[in-house]
Each structure stands twice: as C-alpha cells, then as structure tokens.
PDB file of N, CA and C in Angstrom:
ATOM      1  N   MET A   1       0.838  -1.181   0.000  1.00  0.00           N
ATOM      2  CA  MET A   1       0.000   0.000   0.000  1.00  0.00           C
ATOM      3  C   MET A   1       0.886   1.249   0.000  1.00  0.00           C
ATOM      4  N   PRO A   2       0.721   2.088  -0.990  1.00  0.00           N
ATOM      5  CA  PRO A   2       1.525   3.316  -1.017  1.00  0.00           C
ATOM      6  C   PRO A   2       1.102   4.286   0.090  1.00  0.00           C
ATOM      7  N   ILE A   3       2.068   4.992   0.618  1.00  0.00           N
ATOM      8  CA  ILE A   3       1.821   5.974   1.673  1.00  0.00           C
ATOM      9  C   ILE A   3       1.153   7.198   1.047  1.00  0.00           C
ATOM     10  N   THR A   4       0.044   7.651   1.639  1.00  0.00           N
ATOM     11  CA  THR A   4      -0.668   8.809   1.092  1.00  0.00           C
ATOM     12  C   THR A   4      -0.371  10.096   1.855  1.00  0.00           C
ATOM     13  N   ASN A   5       0.087   9.990   3.093  1.00  0.00           N
ATOM     14  CA  ASN A   5       0.413  11.174   3.883  1.00  0.00           C
ATOM     15  C   ASN A   5       1.641  11.833   3.255  1.00  0.00           C
ATOM     16  N   GLN A   6       1.479  13.058   2.791  1.00  0.00           N
ATOM     17  CA  GLN A   6       2.556  13.735   2.066  1.00  0.00           C
ATOM     18  C   GLN A   6       3.776  14.034   2.936  1.00  0.00           C
ATOM     19  N   GLN A   7       3.561  14.321   4.225  1.00  0.00           N
ATOM     20  CA  GLN A   7       4.706  14.534   5.123  1.00  0.00           C
ATOM     21  C   GLN A   7       5.558  13.270   5.191  1.00  0.00           C
ATOM     22  N   VAL A   8       4.900  12.141   5.304  1.00  0.00           N
ATOM     23  CA  VAL A   8       5.596  10.868   5.433  1.00  0.00           C
ATOM     24  C   VAL A   8       6.209  10.448   4.112  1.00  0.00           C
ATOM     25  N   ALA A   9       5.450  10.604   3.025  1.00  0.00           N
ATOM     26  CA  ALA A   9       5.925  10.183   1.703  1.00  0.00           C
ATOM     27  C   ALA A   9       7.209  10.913   1.316  1.00  0.00           C
ATOM     28  N   GLY A  10       7.349  12.154   1.766  1.00  0.00           N
ATOM     29  CA  GLY A  10       8.531  12.932   1.428  1.00  0.00           C
ATOM     30  C   GLY A  10       9.658  12.825   2.445  1.00  0.00           C
ATOM     31  N   ARG A  11       9.487  11.999   3.448  1.00  0.00           N
ATOM     32  CA  ARG A  11      10.468  11.897   4.536  1.00  0.00           C
ATOM     33  C   ARG A  11      11.625  10.969   4.173  1.00  0.00           C
ATOM     34  N   ALA A  12      12.815  11.400   4.461  1.00  0.00           N
ATOM     35  CA  ALA A  12      14.003  10.548   4.346  1.00  0.00           C
ATOM     36  C   ALA A  12      14.263   9.989   5.742  1.00  0.00           C
ATOM     37  N   PHE A  13      13.661   8.850   6.032  1.00  0.00           N
ATOM     38  CA  PHE A  13      13.783   8.260   7.355  1.00  0.00           C
ATOM     39  C   PHE A  13      15.222   7.834   7.650  1.00  0.00           C
ATOM     40  N   LEU A  14      15.621   8.001   8.896  1.00  0.00           N
ATOM     41  CA  LEU A  14      16.908   7.527   9.433  1.00  0.00           C
ATOM     42  C   LEU A  14      18.116   8.052   8.654  1.00  0.00           C
ATOM     43  N   ARG A  15      18.010   9.251   8.138  1.00  0.00           N
ATOM     44  CA  ARG A  15      19.077   9.851   7.336  1.00  0.00           C
ATOM     45  C   ARG A  15      20.402   9.846   8.092  1.00  0.00           C
ATOM     46  N   GLU A  16      20.358  10.152   9.402  1.00  0.00           N
ATOM     47  CA  GLU A  16      21.598  10.199  10.178  1.00  0.00           C
ATOM     48  C   GLU A  16      22.279   8.837  10.224  1.00  0.00           C
ATOM     49  N   MET A  17      21.492   7.784  10.293  1.00  0.00           N
ATOM     50  CA  MET A  17      22.074   6.443  10.325  1.00  0.00           C
ATOM     51  C   MET A  17      22.689   6.092   8.973  1.00  0.00           C
ATOM     52  N   TYR A  18      22.028   6.488   7.905  1.00  0.00           N
ATOM     53  CA  TYR A  18      22.597   6.254   6.576  1.00  0.00           C
ATOM     54  C   TYR A  18      23.897   7.031   6.392  1.00  0.00           C
ATOM     55  N   ASP A  19      23.974   8.207   6.999  1.00  0.00           N
ATOM     56  CA  ASP A  19      25.155   9.056   6.845  1.00  0.00           C
ATOM     57  C   ASP A  19      26.332   8.622   7.716  1.00  0.00           C
ATOM     58  N   ASP A  20      26.096   7.707   8.648  1.00  0.00           N
ATOM     59  CA  ASP A  20      27.137   7.245   9.569  1.00  0.00           C
ATOM     60  C   ASP A  20      27.568   5.832   9.159  1.00  0.00           C
ATOM     61  N   ALA A  21      28.811   5.674   8.779  1.00  0.00           N
ATOM     62  CA  ALA A  21      29.319   4.386   8.290  1.00  0.00           C
ATOM     63  C   ALA A  21      29.243   3.272   9.338  1.00  0.00           C
ATOM     64  N   TYR A  22      29.078   3.623  10.602  1.00  0.00           N
ATOM     65  CA  TYR A  22      28.962   2.614  11.662  1.00  0.00           C
ATOM     66  C   TYR A  22      27.714   1.741  11.469  1.00  0.00           C
ATOM     67  N   PHE A  23      26.697   2.302  10.837  1.00  0.00           N
ATOM     68  CA  PHE A  23      25.445   1.587  10.633  1.00  0.00           C
ATOM     69  C   PHE A  23      25.376   1.084   9.198  1.00  0.00           C
ATOM     70  N   PRO A  24      25.400  -0.231   8.997  1.00  0.00           N
ATOM     71  CA  PRO A  24      25.380  -0.783   7.641  1.00  0.00           C
ATOM     72  C   PRO A  24      24.060  -0.457   6.926  1.00  0.00           C
ATOM     73  N   ASP A  25      24.187   0.059   5.714  1.00  0.00           N
ATOM     74  CA  ASP A  25      23.007   0.480   4.966  1.00  0.00           C
ATOM     75  C   ASP A  25      21.977  -0.629   4.815  1.00  0.00           C
ATOM     76  N   HIS A  26      22.439  -1.869   4.596  1.00  0.00           N
ATOM     77  CA  HIS A  26      21.455  -2.932   4.365  1.00  0.00           C
ATOM     78  C   HIS A  26      20.611  -3.210   5.611  1.00  0.00           C
ATOM     79  N   VAL A  27      21.147  -2.942   6.792  1.00  0.00           N
ATOM     80  CA  VAL A  27      20.365  -3.120   8.012  1.00  0.00           C
ATOM     81  C   VAL A  27      19.506  -1.877   8.252  1.00  0.00           C
ATOM     82  N   VAL A  28      20.035  -0.703   7.963  1.00  0.00           N
ATOM     83  CA  VAL A  28      19.245   0.525   8.079  1.00  0.00           C
ATOM     84  C   VAL A  28      18.068   0.473   7.103  1.00  0.00           C
ATOM     85  N   ASP A  29      18.274  -0.129   5.935  1.00  0.00           N
ATOM     86  CA  ASP A  29      17.160  -0.306   4.989  1.00  0.00           C
ATOM     87  C   ASP A  29      16.024  -1.074   5.651  1.00  0.00           C
ATOM     88  N   ARG A  30      16.362  -2.100   6.413  1.00  0.00           N
ATOM     89  CA  ARG A  30      15.337  -2.898   7.111  1.00  0.00           C
ATOM     90  C   ARG A  30      14.646  -2.067   8.182  1.00  0.00           C
ATOM     91  N   ALA A  31      15.420  -1.216   8.863  1.00  0.00           N
ATOM     92  CA  ALA A  31      14.844  -0.342   9.885  1.00  0.00           C
ATOM     93  C   ALA A  31      13.879   0.663   9.246  1.00  0.00           C
ATOM     94  N   GLU A  32      14.285   1.218   8.128  1.00  0.00           N
ATOM     95  CA  GLU A  32      13.414   2.155   7.408  1.00  0.00           C
ATOM     96  C   GLU A  32      12.129   1.446   6.974  1.00  0.00           C
ATOM     97  N   ALA A  33      12.244   0.216   6.533  1.00  0.00           N
ATOM     98  CA  ALA A  33      11.071  -0.553   6.105  1.00  0.00           C
ATOM     99  C   ALA A  33      10.092  -0.754   7.266  1.00  0.00           C
ATOM    100  N   ILE A  34      10.622  -0.936   8.480  1.00  0.00           N
ATOM    101  CA  ILE A  34       9.753  -1.063   9.653  1.00  0.00           C
ATOM    102  C   ILE A  34       8.933   0.212   9.832  1.00  0.00           C
ATOM    103  N   LEU A  35       9.593   1.349   9.723  1.00  0.00           N
ATOM    104  CA  LEU A  35       8.889   2.627   9.881  1.00  0.00           C
ATOM    105  C   LEU A  35       7.845   2.820   8.785  1.00  0.00           C
ATOM    106  N   LEU A  36       8.174   2.446   7.566  1.00  0.00           N
ATOM    107  CA  LEU A  36       7.209   2.583   6.472  1.00  0.00           C
ATOM    108  C   LEU A  36       6.021   1.634   6.651  1.00  0.00           C
ATOM    109  N   ARG A  37       6.277   0.431   7.153  1.00  0.00           N
ATOM    110  CA  ARG A  37       5.165  -0.487   7.450  1.00  0.00           C
ATOM    111  C   ARG A  37       4.277   0.087   8.554  1.00  0.00           C
ATOM    112  N   LEU A  38       4.904   0.708   9.551  1.00  0.00           N
ATOM    113  CA  LEU A  38       4.134   1.358  10.605  1.00  0.00           C
ATOM    114  C   LEU A  38       3.213   2.417  10.001  1.00  0.00           C
ATOM    115  N   CYS A  39       3.742   3.231   9.127  1.00  0.00           N
ATOM    116  CA  CYS A  39       2.935   4.276   8.481  1.00  0.00           C
ATOM    117  C   CYS A  39       1.785   3.658   7.680  1.00  0.00           C
ATOM    118  N   ALA A  40       2.075   2.613   6.945  1.00  0.00           N
ATOM    119  CA  ALA A  40       1.036   1.950   6.153  1.00  0.00           C
ATOM    120  C   ALA A  40      -0.058   1.386   7.061  1.00  0.00           C
ATOM    121  N   ARG A  41       0.343   0.829   8.191  1.00  0.00           N
ATOM    122  CA  ARG A  41      -0.652   0.290   9.131  1.00  0.00           C
ATOM    123  C   ARG A  41      -1.495   1.411   9.735  1.00  0.00           C
ATOM    124  N   ILE A  42      -0.861   2.533  10.049  1.00  0.00           N
ATOM    125  CA  ILE A  42      -1.624   3.666  10.588  1.00  0.00           C
ATOM    126  C   ILE A  42      -2.644   4.118   9.549  1.00  0.00           C
ATOM    127  N   GLU A  43      -2.229   4.192   8.303  1.00  0.00           N
ATOM    128  CA  GLU A  43      -3.156   4.623   7.257  1.00  0.00           C
ATOM    129  C   GLU A  43      -4.272   3.608   7.032  1.00  0.00           C
ATOM    130  N   SER A  44      -3.958   2.331   7.059  1.00  0.00           N
ATOM    131  CA  SER A  44      -4.990   1.332   6.780  1.00  0.00           C
ATOM    132  C   SER A  44      -5.902   1.077   7.980  1.00  0.00           C
ATOM    133  N   GLU A  45      -5.356   1.128   9.189  1.00  0.00           N
ATOM    134  CA  GLU A  45      -6.153   0.831  10.374  1.00  0.00           C
ATOM    135  C   GLU A  45      -6.754   2.076  11.020  1.00  0.00           C
ATOM    136  N   ALA A  46      -6.218   3.245  10.698  1.00  0.00           N
ATOM    137  CA  ALA A  46      -6.719   4.535  11.186  1.00  0.00           C
ATOM    138  C   ALA A  46      -7.088   4.515  12.673  1.00  0.00           C
ATOM    139  N   PRO A  47      -6.091   4.350  13.544  1.00  0.00           N
ATOM    140  CA  PRO A  47      -6.407   4.356  14.976  1.00  0.00           C
ATOM    141  C   PRO A  47      -7.068   5.677  15.367  1.00  0.00           C
ATOM    142  N   SER A  48      -8.067   5.582  16.225  1.00  0.00           N
ATOM    143  CA  SER A  48      -8.831   6.776  16.590  1.00  0.00           C
ATOM    144  C   SER A  48      -8.328   7.447  17.861  1.00  0.00           C
ATOM    145  N   ASP A  49      -7.430   6.750  18.569  1.00  0.00           N
ATOM    146  CA  ASP A  49      -6.932   7.323  19.814  1.00  0.00           C
ATOM    147  C   ASP A  49      -5.495   6.865  20.058  1.00  0.00           C
ATOM    148  N   LEU A  50      -4.912   7.394  21.120  1.00  0.00           N
ATOM    149  CA  LEU A  50      -3.517   7.073  21.423  1.00  0.00           C
ATOM    150  C   LEU A  50      -3.314   5.598  21.713  1.00  0.00           C
ATOM    151  N   GLU A  51      -4.248   4.960  22.373  1.00  0.00           N
ATOM    152  CA  GLU A  51      -4.085   3.534  22.659  1.00  0.00           C
ATOM    153  C   GLU A  51      -3.998   2.727  21.365  1.00  0.00           C
ATOM    154  N   GLY A  52      -4.794   3.091  20.390  1.00  0.00           N
ATOM    155  CA  GLY A  52      -4.727   2.419  19.092  1.00  0.00           C
ATOM    156  C   GLY A  52      -3.392   2.653  18.416  1.00  0.00           C
ATOM    157  N   LEU A  53      -2.899   3.887  18.499  1.00  0.00           N
ATOM    158  CA  LEU A  53      -1.588   4.197  17.930  1.00  0.00           C
ATOM    159  C   LEU A  53      -0.502   3.424  18.659  1.00  0.00           C
ATOM    160  N   TYR A  54      -0.547   3.411  19.989  1.00  0.00           N
ATOM    161  CA  TYR A  54       0.479   2.717  20.766  1.00  0.00           C
ATOM    162  C   TYR A  54       0.506   1.216  20.468  1.00  0.00           C
ATOM    163  N   ALA A  55      -0.634   0.635  20.184  1.00  0.00           N
ATOM    164  CA  ALA A  55      -0.654  -0.784  19.812  1.00  0.00           C
ATOM    165  C   ALA A  55       0.143  -1.004  18.533  1.00  0.00           C
ATOM    166  N   LEU A  56       0.009  -0.101  17.581  1.00  0.00           N
ATOM    167  CA  LEU A  56       0.763  -0.220  16.323  1.00  0.00           C
ATOM    168  C   LEU A  56       2.243   0.056  16.537  1.00  0.00           C
ATOM    169  N   THR A  57       2.564   1.049  17.361  1.00  0.00           N
ATOM    170  CA  THR A  57       3.983   1.350  17.574  1.00  0.00           C
ATOM    171  C   THR A  57       4.661   0.278  18.413  1.00  0.00           C
ATOM    172  N   ARG A  58       3.909  -0.386  19.290  1.00  0.00           N
ATOM    173  CA  ARG A  58       4.494  -1.507  20.049  1.00  0.00           C
ATOM    174  C   ARG A  58       4.923  -2.628  19.103  1.00  0.00           C
ATOM    175  N   ALA A  59       4.103  -2.899  18.110  1.00  0.00           N
ATOM    176  CA  ALA A  59       4.451  -3.939  17.132  1.00  0.00           C
ATOM    177  C   ALA A  59       5.697  -3.534  16.351  1.00  0.00           C
ATOM    178  N   ALA A  60       5.787  -2.275  15.958  1.00  0.00           N
ATOM    179  CA  ALA A  60       6.969  -1.806  15.237  1.00  0.00           C
ATOM    180  C   ALA A  60       8.203  -1.832  16.133  1.00  0.00           C
ATOM    181  N   THR A  61       8.034  -1.486  17.403  1.00  0.00           N
ATOM    182  CA  THR A  61       9.142  -1.533  18.354  1.00  0.00           C
ATOM    183  C   THR A  61       9.659  -2.961  18.494  1.00  0.00           C
ATOM    184  N   GLU A  62       8.760  -3.926  18.521  1.00  0.00           N
ATOM    185  CA  GLU A  62       9.170  -5.330  18.610  1.00  0.00           C
ATOM    186  C   GLU A  62       9.986  -5.724  17.368  1.00  0.00           C
ATOM    187  N   GLU A  63       9.616  -5.208  16.216  1.00  0.00           N
ATOM    188  CA  GLU A  63      10.407  -5.477  15.008  1.00  0.00           C
ATOM    189  C   GLU A  63      11.812  -4.899  15.151  1.00  0.00           C
ATOM    190  N   PHE A  64      11.914  -3.705  15.723  1.00  0.00           N
ATOM    191  CA  PHE A  64      13.241  -3.125  15.971  1.00  0.00           C
ATOM    192  C   PHE A  64      14.018  -3.974  16.971  1.00  0.00           C
ATOM    193  N   ASN A  65      13.347  -4.507  17.985  1.00  0.00           N
ATOM    194  CA  ASN A  65      14.018  -5.386  18.944  1.00  0.00           C
ATOM    195  C   ASN A  65      14.648  -6.572  18.222  1.00  0.00           C
ATOM    196  N   GLN A  66      13.922  -7.145  17.288  1.00  0.00           N
ATOM    197  CA  GLN A  66      14.429  -8.288  16.530  1.00  0.00           C
ATOM    198  C   GLN A  66      15.552  -7.880  15.575  1.00  0.00           C
ATOM    199  N   LEU A  67      15.508  -6.659  15.104  1.00  0.00           N
ATOM    200  CA  LEU A  67      16.529  -6.168  14.173  1.00  0.00           C
ATOM    201  C   LEU A  67      17.871  -5.927  14.857  1.00  0.00           C
ATOM    202  N   GLU A  68      17.870  -5.719  16.163  1.00  0.00           N
ATOM    203  CA  GLU A  68      19.120  -5.465  16.896  1.00  0.00           C
ATOM    204  C   GLU A  68      20.152  -6.556  16.618  1.00  0.00           C
ATOM    205  N   GLY A  69      19.727  -7.809  16.547  1.00  0.00           N
ATOM    206  CA  GLY A  69      20.652  -8.903  16.254  1.00  0.00           C
ATOM    207  C   GLY A  69      21.328  -8.754  14.905  1.00  0.00           C
ATOM    208  N   GLU A  70      20.613  -8.224  13.942  1.00  0.00           N
ATOM    209  CA  GLU A  70      21.208  -8.002  12.619  1.00  0.00           C
ATOM    210  C   GLU A  70      22.247  -6.883  12.659  1.00  0.00           C
ATOM    211  N   PHE A  71      21.977  -5.853  13.439  1.00  0.00           N
ATOM    212  CA  PHE A  71      22.985  -4.804  13.606  1.00  0.00           C
ATOM    213  C   PHE A  71      24.247  -5.396  14.226  1.00  0.00           C
ATOM    214  N   VAL A  72      24.080  -6.181  15.274  1.00  0.00           N
ATOM    215  CA  VAL A  72      25.225  -6.782  15.964  1.00  0.00           C
ATOM    216  C   VAL A  72      25.985  -7.706  15.010  1.00  0.00           C
ATOM    217  N   ALA A  73      25.286  -8.520  14.261  1.00  0.00           N
ATOM    218  CA  ALA A  73      25.939  -9.432  13.306  1.00  0.00           C
ATOM    219  C   ALA A  73      26.726  -8.678  12.247  1.00  0.00           C
ATOM    220  N   ALA A  74      26.309  -7.451  11.964  1.00  0.00           N
ATOM    221  CA  ALA A  74      26.997  -6.632  10.963  1.00  0.00           C
ATOM    222  C   ALA A  74      28.058  -5.730  11.597  1.00  0.00           C
ATOM    223  N   GLY A  75      28.356  -5.950  12.889  1.00  0.00           N
ATOM    224  CA  GLY A  75      29.406  -5.172  13.555  1.00  0.00           C
ATOM    225  C   GLY A  75      28.938  -3.829  14.073  1.00  0.00           C
ATOM    226  N   SER A  76      27.665  -3.684  14.302  1.00  0.00           N
ATOM    227  CA  SER A  76      27.086  -2.425  14.754  1.00  0.00           C
ATOM    228  C   SER A  76      26.133  -2.729  15.908  1.00  0.00           C
ATOM    229  N   GLU A  77      25.376  -1.751  16.341  1.00  0.00           N
ATOM    230  CA  GLU A  77      24.321  -1.949  17.327  1.00  0.00           C
ATOM    231  C   GLU A  77      23.451  -0.705  17.369  1.00  0.00           C
ATOM    232  N   ILE A  78      22.275  -0.866  17.939  1.00  0.00           N
ATOM    233  CA  ILE A  78      21.422   0.296  18.173  1.00  0.00           C
ATOM    234  C   ILE A  78      21.876   0.874  19.507  1.00  0.00           C
ATOM    235  N   GLU A  79      22.800   1.817  19.434  1.00  0.00           N
ATOM    236  CA  GLU A  79      23.372   2.409  20.631  1.00  0.00           C
ATOM    237  C   GLU A  79      22.681   3.738  20.934  1.00  0.00           C
ATOM    238  N   THR A  80      23.187   4.466  21.899  1.00  0.00           N
ATOM    239  CA  THR A  80      22.505   5.646  22.429  1.00  0.00           C
ATOM    240  C   THR A  80      22.048   6.636  21.366  1.00  0.00           C
ATOM    241  N   VAL A  81      22.929   7.031  20.487  1.00  0.00           N
ATOM    242  CA  VAL A  81      22.565   8.019  19.469  1.00  0.00           C
ATOM    243  C   VAL A  81      21.528   7.435  18.521  1.00  0.00           C
ATOM    244  N   ALA A  82      21.705   6.214  18.097  1.00  0.00           N
ATOM    245  CA  ALA A  82      20.744   5.573  17.193  1.00  0.00           C
ATOM    246  C   ALA A  82      19.386   5.443  17.860  1.00  0.00           C
ATOM    247  N   ARG A  83      19.369   5.129  19.143  1.00  0.00           N
ATOM    248  CA  ARG A  83      18.090   5.047  19.869  1.00  0.00           C
ATOM    249  C   ARG A  83      17.340   6.371  19.754  1.00  0.00           C
ATOM    250  N   GLU A  84      18.055   7.453  19.953  1.00  0.00           N
ATOM    251  CA  GLU A  84      17.415   8.768  19.880  1.00  0.00           C
ATOM    252  C   GLU A  84      16.913   9.058  18.476  1.00  0.00           C
ATOM    253  N   TRP A  85      17.707   8.725  17.463  1.00  0.00           N
ATOM    254  CA  TRP A  85      17.271   8.954  16.088  1.00  0.00           C
ATOM    255  C   TRP A  85      16.015   8.142  15.773  1.00  0.00           C
ATOM    256  N   ILE A  86      15.989   6.897  16.197  1.00  0.00           N
ATOM    257  CA  ILE A  86      14.833   6.039  15.939  1.00  0.00           C
ATOM    258  C   ILE A  86      13.609   6.574  16.682  1.00  0.00           C
ATOM    259  N   CYS A  87      13.785   6.934  17.939  1.00  0.00           N
ATOM    260  CA  CYS A  87      12.670   7.488  18.707  1.00  0.00           C
ATOM    261  C   CYS A  87      12.152   8.776  18.078  1.00  0.00           C
ATOM    262  N   ASP A  88      13.049   9.602  17.558  1.00  0.00           N
ATOM    263  CA  ASP A  88      12.636  10.825  16.854  1.00  0.00           C
ATOM    264  C   ASP A  88      11.750  10.491  15.655  1.00  0.00           C
ATOM    265  N   GLU A  89      12.086   9.411  14.960  1.00  0.00           N
ATOM    266  CA  GLU A  89      11.272   9.006  13.804  1.00  0.00           C
ATOM    267  C   GLU A  89       9.886   8.545  14.245  1.00  0.00           C
ATOM    268  N   PHE A  90       9.801   7.814  15.347  1.00  0.00           N
ATOM    269  CA  PHE A  90       8.491   7.412  15.871  1.00  0.00           C
ATOM    270  C   PHE A  90       7.673   8.650  16.223  1.00  0.00           C
ATOM    271  N   CYS A  91       8.304   9.646  16.841  1.00  0.00           N
ATOM    272  CA  CYS A  91       7.608  10.891  17.188  1.00  0.00           C
ATOM    273  C   CYS A  91       7.153  11.629  15.933  1.00  0.00           C
ATOM    274  N   PHE A  92       8.003  11.667  14.920  1.00  0.00           N
ATOM    275  CA  PHE A  92       7.626  12.298  13.656  1.00  0.00           C
ATOM    276  C   PHE A  92       6.390  11.617  13.079  1.00  0.00           C
ATOM    277  N   VAL A  93       6.398  10.292  13.037  1.00  0.00           N
ATOM    278  CA  VAL A  93       5.273   9.539  12.475  1.00  0.00           C
ATOM    279  C   VAL A  93       3.995   9.864  13.246  1.00  0.00           C
ATOM    280  N   ALA A  94       4.056   9.819  14.563  1.00  0.00           N
ATOM    281  CA  ALA A  94       2.872  10.124  15.364  1.00  0.00           C
ATOM    282  C   ALA A  94       2.341  11.518  15.040  1.00  0.00           C
ATOM    283  N   SER A  95       3.224  12.486  14.993  1.00  0.00           N
ATOM    284  CA  SER A  95       2.827  13.857  14.702  1.00  0.00           C
ATOM    285  C   SER A  95       2.254  13.998  13.290  1.00  0.00           C
ATOM    286  N   ALA A  96       2.882  13.344  12.336  1.00  0.00           N
ATOM    287  CA  ALA A  96       2.426  13.433  10.942  1.00  0.00           C
ATOM    288  C   ALA A  96       1.009  12.902  10.772  1.00  0.00           C
ATOM    289  N   TYR A  97       0.620  11.984  11.635  1.00  0.00           N
ATOM    290  CA  TYR A  97      -0.733  11.424  11.566  1.00  0.00           C
ATOM    291  C   TYR A  97      -1.683  12.050  12.580  1.00  0.00           C
ATOM    292  N   GLY A  98      -1.283  13.200  13.135  1.00  0.00           N
ATOM    293  CA  GLY A  98      -2.178  13.973  13.983  1.00  0.00           C
ATOM    294  C   GLY A  98      -2.140  13.638  15.460  1.00  0.00           C
ATOM    295  N   PHE A  99      -1.226  12.770  15.861  1.00  0.00           N
ATOM    296  CA  PHE A  99      -1.119  12.400  17.268  1.00  0.00           C
ATOM    297  C   PHE A  99      -0.010  13.221  17.928  1.00  0.00           C
ATOM    298  N   THR A 100      -0.201  14.527  17.955  1.00  0.00           N
ATOM    299  CA  THR A 100       0.830  15.429  18.463  1.00  0.00           C
ATOM    300  C   THR A 100       1.030  15.297  19.968  1.00  0.00           C
ATOM    301  N   GLU A 101       0.043  14.749  20.669  1.00  0.00           N
ATOM    302  CA  GLU A 101       0.155  14.595  22.119  1.00  0.00           C
ATOM    303  C   GLU A 101       0.738  13.238  22.525  1.00  0.00           C
ATOM    304  N   ALA A 102       1.175  12.446  21.564  1.00  0.00           N
ATOM    305  CA  ALA A 102       1.737  11.123  21.861  1.00  0.00           C
ATOM    306  C   ALA A 102       2.985  11.252  22.736  1.00  0.00           C
ATOM    307  N   ASP A 103       3.103  10.365  23.692  1.00  0.00           N
ATOM    308  CA  ASP A 103       4.245  10.343  24.600  1.00  0.00           C
ATOM    309  C   ASP A 103       5.395   9.568  23.950  1.00  0.00           C
ATOM    310  N   ALA A 104       6.558  10.174  23.875  1.00  0.00           N
ATOM    311  CA  ALA A 104       7.712   9.551  23.212  1.00  0.00           C
ATOM    312  C   ALA A 104       8.066   8.209  23.840  1.00  0.00           C
ATOM    313  N   GLU A 105       7.992   8.110  25.145  1.00  0.00           N
ATOM    314  CA  GLU A 105       8.316   6.849  25.813  1.00  0.00           C
ATOM    315  C   GLU A 105       7.290   5.766  25.492  1.00  0.00           C
ATOM    316  N   GLN A 106       6.040   6.144  25.428  1.00  0.00           N
ATOM    317  CA  GLN A 106       4.994   5.175  25.109  1.00  0.00           C
ATOM    318  C   GLN A 106       5.075   4.690  23.659  1.00  0.00           C
ATOM    319  N   LEU A 107       5.542   5.556  22.774  1.00  0.00           N
ATOM    320  CA  LEU A 107       5.653   5.172  21.367  1.00  0.00           C
ATOM    321  C   LEU A 107       6.610   4.009  21.166  1.00  0.00           C
ATOM    322  N   THR A 108       7.633   3.923  21.999  1.00  0.00           N
ATOM    323  CA  THR A 108       8.614   2.844  21.877  1.00  0.00           C
ATOM    324  C   THR A 108       8.700   1.999  23.148  1.00  0.00           C
ATOM    325  N   ALA A 109       7.597   1.934  23.874  1.00  0.00           N
ATOM    326  CA  ALA A 109       7.555   1.107  25.087  1.00  0.00           C
ATOM    327  C   ALA A 109       7.865  -0.343  24.696  1.00  0.00           C
ATOM    328  N   GLY A 110       8.625  -1.006  25.526  1.00  0.00           N
ATOM    329  CA  GLY A 110       8.984  -2.392  25.247  1.00  0.00           C
ATOM    330  C   GLY A 110      10.256  -2.549  24.446  1.00  0.00           C
ATOM    331  N   ARG A 111      10.936  -1.449  24.193  1.00  0.00           N
ATOM    332  CA  ARG A 111      12.179  -1.548  23.384  1.00  0.00           C
ATOM    333  C   ARG A 111      13.303  -2.187  24.213  1.00  0.00           C
ATOM    334  N   ASP A 112      14.127  -2.947  23.519  1.00  0.00           N
ATOM    335  CA  ASP A 112      15.308  -3.564  24.131  1.00  0.00           C
ATOM    336  C   ASP A 112      16.578  -2.822  23.730  1.00  0.00           C
ATOM    337  N   TRP A 113      16.463  -1.734  23.055  1.00  0.00           N
ATOM    338  CA  TRP A 113      17.602  -1.006  22.520  1.00  0.00           C
ATOM    339  C   TRP A 113      17.684   0.359  23.142  1.00  0.00           C
TER     340      TRP A 113
END
C-alpha cells in the first residue's frame, strides 16, 4: 500500500544512520522498512486514539528489537545516538498522523535497545 500522507511520503527516514558508516546500509534499509510499514498500518487501520496508535507502535518496536541482532551481526548496534534517532522518527510519524500529544516513551515502550 503506497503511503498517502505527504509529510511521510517525502520523509528521508533515518538519514543520520545512513550518513554514519557505523550503521550498515542494508540493516538501516530494514529499519526504514519497519517505519514505512508502521505508516502503512496507521493509514490502513486509522487508529482513533492514542491507545490504538500505541498498539501499532508496540508492534513496530518489537520489530526493531528483533533487528538489533542483525545490527550486531553486521558489527554495529542500536546504541545511544541511534536510539534517539529512531525514537525521533516514531515521534515524527505520530505527529504526521495527527497524534501530536503522543508520549515519546509510550511510542517505543517495550524496546530492548
């Protein structure tokens, strides 16, 4: 499903990670795909409240938890700076879909990174 939200469609997700050689592009590609799937789910499921949004972001956070092993296998990890960049992207997504009051910690609750 193509993304219809113009803010999201024009977003270069995880640009800082792509610009840092410490993070392998092929793994960052997978991370970007998680964020795009999250956006597609928000568009298709249209959560009406924060709890609905948090359910979708929890699923995406779990995908990031599973991706950590791929970063490690590639000689990298989701470390402090990357955590902040990823959390910023979750906040951007929430805001782009009108959830400006979303709590940053709740958006990535359950993260292992």
